[in-house]
Amino acid sequence: MFAWRKRIGHISPGALSTSVYDFYLVAPEGVGLVGISNPIGDWREDEYERVLKNVVASAKYLAARHVDYINHAASSGNSKSRLACPRPRRFTPRAKRCAR
């Protein structure tokens, strides 16, 4: 049976190419990962708002699959990157409302 102990939901800002593999290298027996991708193209205001809305939808999707914990992986980029996020952590209040 899949994830008979716990199910961890994971929202990724990009492809789930290595994070799933890495997870199962260290996860205890019976703990499973339920992943979903929520890609962002750049940090324009409209793109950022679109992704924030999708984070809430993704969290609801994972909650409907009865995960025990939801992790939202994000990267602010480095300071020289054109993708450096000027608005970190704005998703947190929205995610908390979703979890209620």
C-alpha atoms as a PDB file:
ATOM      1  CA  MET A   1       0.000   0.000   0.000  1.00  0.00           C
ATOM      2  CA  PHE A   2       1.328   3.448  -0.943  1.00  0.00           C
ATOM      3  CA  ALA A   3       2.217   5.824   1.901  1.00  0.00           C
ATOM      4  CA  TRP A   4       0.617   3.782   4.653  1.00  0.00           C
ATOM      5  CA  ARG A   5       2.284   5.907   7.365  1.00  0.00           C
ATOM      6  CA  LYS A   6       2.150   9.469   6.010  1.00  0.00           C
ATOM      7  CA  ARG A   7       1.639  11.324   2.741  1.00  0.00           C
ATOM      8  CA  ILE A   8       3.572  14.517   2.074  1.00  0.00           C
ATOM      9  CA  GLY A   9       2.236  16.941  -0.522  1.00  0.00           C
ATOM     10  CA  HIS A  10       4.855  18.870  -2.469  1.00  0.00           C
ATOM     11  CA  ILE A  11       4.234  21.918  -4.669  1.00  0.00           C
ATOM     12  CA  SER A  12       7.242  22.581  -6.891  1.00  0.00           C
ATOM     13  CA  PRO A  13       7.989  25.784  -8.846  1.00  0.00           C
ATOM     14  CA  GLY A  14       9.354  23.666 -11.691  1.00  0.00           C
ATOM     15  CA  ALA A  15       9.724  20.119 -12.893  1.00  0.00           C
ATOM     16  CA  LEU A  16       9.777  17.356 -10.300  1.00  0.00           C
ATOM     17  CA  SER A  17      12.786  15.798 -12.000  1.00  0.00           C
ATOM     18  CA  THR A  18      15.136  15.223  -9.060  1.00  0.00           C
ATOM     19  CA  SER A  19      13.144  16.149  -5.947  1.00  0.00           C
ATOM     20  CA  VAL A  20      11.064  12.970  -6.054  1.00  0.00           C
ATOM     21  CA  TYR A  21      14.132  10.788  -6.467  1.00  0.00           C
ATOM     22  CA  ASP A  22      15.939  12.621  -3.655  1.00  0.00           C
ATOM     23  CA  PHE A  23      12.900  12.298  -1.401  1.00  0.00           C
ATOM     24  CA  TYR A  24      12.792   8.530  -1.695  1.00  0.00           C
ATOM     25  CA  LEU A  25      16.529   8.272  -0.964  1.00  0.00           C
ATOM     26  CA  VAL A  26      15.887   9.552   2.582  1.00  0.00           C
ATOM     27  CA  ALA A  27      12.188   8.893   3.273  1.00  0.00           C
ATOM     28  CA  PRO A  28      11.338   6.274   5.868  1.00  0.00           C
ATOM     29  CA  GLU A  29       9.391   3.225   4.795  1.00  0.00           C
ATOM     30  CA  GLY A  30       5.701   3.954   4.350  1.00  0.00           C
ATOM     31  CA  VAL A  31       6.085   7.693   3.734  1.00  0.00           C
ATOM     32  CA  GLY A  32       5.059   8.837   0.269  1.00  0.00           C
ATOM     33  CA  LEU A  33       5.357  11.997  -1.788  1.00  0.00           C
ATOM     34  CA  VAL A  34       2.428  13.410  -3.736  1.00  0.00           C
ATOM     35  CA  GLY A  35       3.886  16.078  -6.011  1.00  0.00           C
ATOM     36  CA  ILE A  36       2.452  18.750  -8.255  1.00  0.00           C
ATOM     37  CA  SER A  37       4.210  21.347 -10.391  1.00  0.00           C
ATOM     38  CA  ASN A  38       3.327  25.055 -10.367  1.00  0.00           C
ATOM     39  CA  PRO A  39       5.819  26.657 -12.766  1.00  0.00           C
ATOM     40  CA  ILE A  40       6.534  30.377 -12.945  1.00  0.00           C
ATOM     41  CA  GLY A  41       7.985  32.007 -16.037  1.00  0.00           C
ATOM     42  CA  ASP A  42       9.255  35.271 -14.581  1.00  0.00           C
ATOM     43  CA  TRP A  43       8.601  37.724 -11.745  1.00  0.00           C
ATOM     44  CA  ARG A  44       6.269  40.178 -13.472  1.00  0.00           C
ATOM     45  CA  GLU A  45       3.402  41.156 -11.182  1.00  0.00           C
ATOM     46  CA  ASP A  46       0.716  39.422 -13.272  1.00  0.00           C
ATOM     47  CA  GLU A  47       2.766  36.208 -13.534  1.00  0.00           C
ATOM     48  CA  TYR A  48       3.458  36.236  -9.798  1.00  0.00           C
ATOM     49  CA  GLU A  49      -0.252  36.703  -9.006  1.00  0.00           C
ATOM     50  CA  ARG A  50      -1.176  33.861 -11.382  1.00  0.00           C
ATOM     51  CA  VAL A  51       1.224  31.517  -9.602  1.00  0.00           C
ATOM     52  CA  LEU A  52      -0.045  32.583  -6.163  1.00  0.00           C
ATOM     53  CA  LYS A  53      -3.582  31.676  -7.209  1.00  0.00           C
ATOM     54  CA  ASN A  54      -2.309  28.342  -8.481  1.00  0.00           C
ATOM     55  CA  VAL A  55      -0.550  27.635  -5.166  1.00  0.00           C
ATOM     56  CA  VAL A  56      -3.901  27.815  -3.393  1.00  0.00           C
ATOM     57  CA  ALA A  57      -5.526  25.596  -6.029  1.00  0.00           C
ATOM     58  CA  SER A  58      -2.602  23.160  -5.795  1.00  0.00           C
ATOM     59  CA  ALA A  59      -2.869  23.026  -2.001  1.00  0.00           C
ATOM     60  CA  LYS A  60      -6.595  22.268  -2.256  1.00  0.00           C
ATOM     61  CA  TYR A  61      -5.864  19.565  -4.824  1.00  0.00           C
ATOM     62  CA  LEU A  62      -3.328  17.945  -2.498  1.00  0.00           C
ATOM     63  CA  ALA A  63      -5.636  18.267   0.514  1.00  0.00           C
ATOM     64  CA  ALA A  64      -8.323  16.401  -1.432  1.00  0.00           C
ATOM     65  CA  ARG A  65      -5.807  13.566  -1.774  1.00  0.00           C
ATOM     66  CA  HIS A  66      -5.553  13.419   2.022  1.00  0.00           C
ATOM     67  CA  VAL A  67      -1.929  14.410   2.403  1.00  0.00           C
ATOM     68  CA  ASP A  68      -0.755  14.953   5.971  1.00  0.00           C
ATOM     69  CA  TYR A  69       1.539  17.875   5.227  1.00  0.00           C
ATOM     70  CA  ILE A  70       1.966  20.295   2.315  1.00  0.00           C
ATOM     71  CA  ASN A  71       5.358  21.707   1.393  1.00  0.00           C
ATOM     72  CA  HIS A  72       5.626  24.600  -1.062  1.00  0.00           C
ATOM     73  CA  ALA A  73       9.128  24.680  -2.476  1.00  0.00           C
ATOM     74  CA  ALA A  74      10.139  28.055  -3.809  1.00  0.00           C
ATOM     75  CA  SER A  75      13.267  29.799  -4.883  1.00  0.00           C
ATOM     76  CA  SER A  76      13.920  33.494  -4.776  1.00  0.00           C
ATOM     77  CA  GLY A  77      16.820  33.125  -7.175  1.00  0.00           C
ATOM     78  CA  ASN A  78      20.147  34.773  -6.563  1.00  0.00           C
ATOM     79  CA  SER A  79      20.540  38.528  -6.428  1.00  0.00           C
ATOM     80  CA  LYS A  80      22.035  38.680  -9.933  1.00  0.00           C
ATOM     81  CA  SER A  81      19.312  36.550 -11.518  1.00  0.00           C
ATOM     82  CA  ARG A  82      16.628  38.166 -13.630  1.00  0.00           C
ATOM     83  CA  LEU A  83      14.268  35.772 -11.836  1.00  0.00           C
ATOM     84  CA  ALA A  84      15.151  37.053  -8.367  1.00  0.00           C
ATOM     85  CA  CYS A  85      11.883  37.382  -6.487  1.00  0.00           C
ATOM     86  CA  PRO A  86      11.165  40.915  -5.220  1.00  0.00           C
ATOM     87  CA  ARG A  87       8.142  39.755  -3.194  1.00  0.00           C
ATOM     88  CA  PRO A  88       9.065  36.693  -1.110  1.00  0.00           C
ATOM     89  CA  ARG A  89       6.542  35.003   1.158  1.00  0.00           C
ATOM     90  CA  ARG A  90       3.398  36.747  -0.099  1.00  0.00           C
ATOM     91  CA  PHE A  91       1.840  33.329  -0.647  1.00  0.00           C
ATOM     92  CA  THR A  92       1.919  32.424   3.081  1.00  0.00           C
ATOM     93  CA  PRO A  93      -1.284  34.214   4.186  1.00  0.00           C
ATOM     94  CA  ARG A  94      -3.162  32.713   1.227  1.00  0.00           C
ATOM     95  CA  ALA A  95      -1.903  29.224   1.984  1.00  0.00           C
ATOM     96  CA  LYS A  96      -2.918  29.558   5.637  1.00  0.00           C
ATOM     97  CA  ARG A  97      -6.448  30.570   4.641  1.00  0.00           C
ATOM     98  CA  CYS A  98      -6.594  27.560   2.339  1.00  0.00           C
ATOM     99  CA  ALA A  99      -5.572  25.218   5.154  1.00  0.00           C
ATOM    100  CA  ARG A 100      -8.413  26.258   7.428  1.00  0.00           C
END
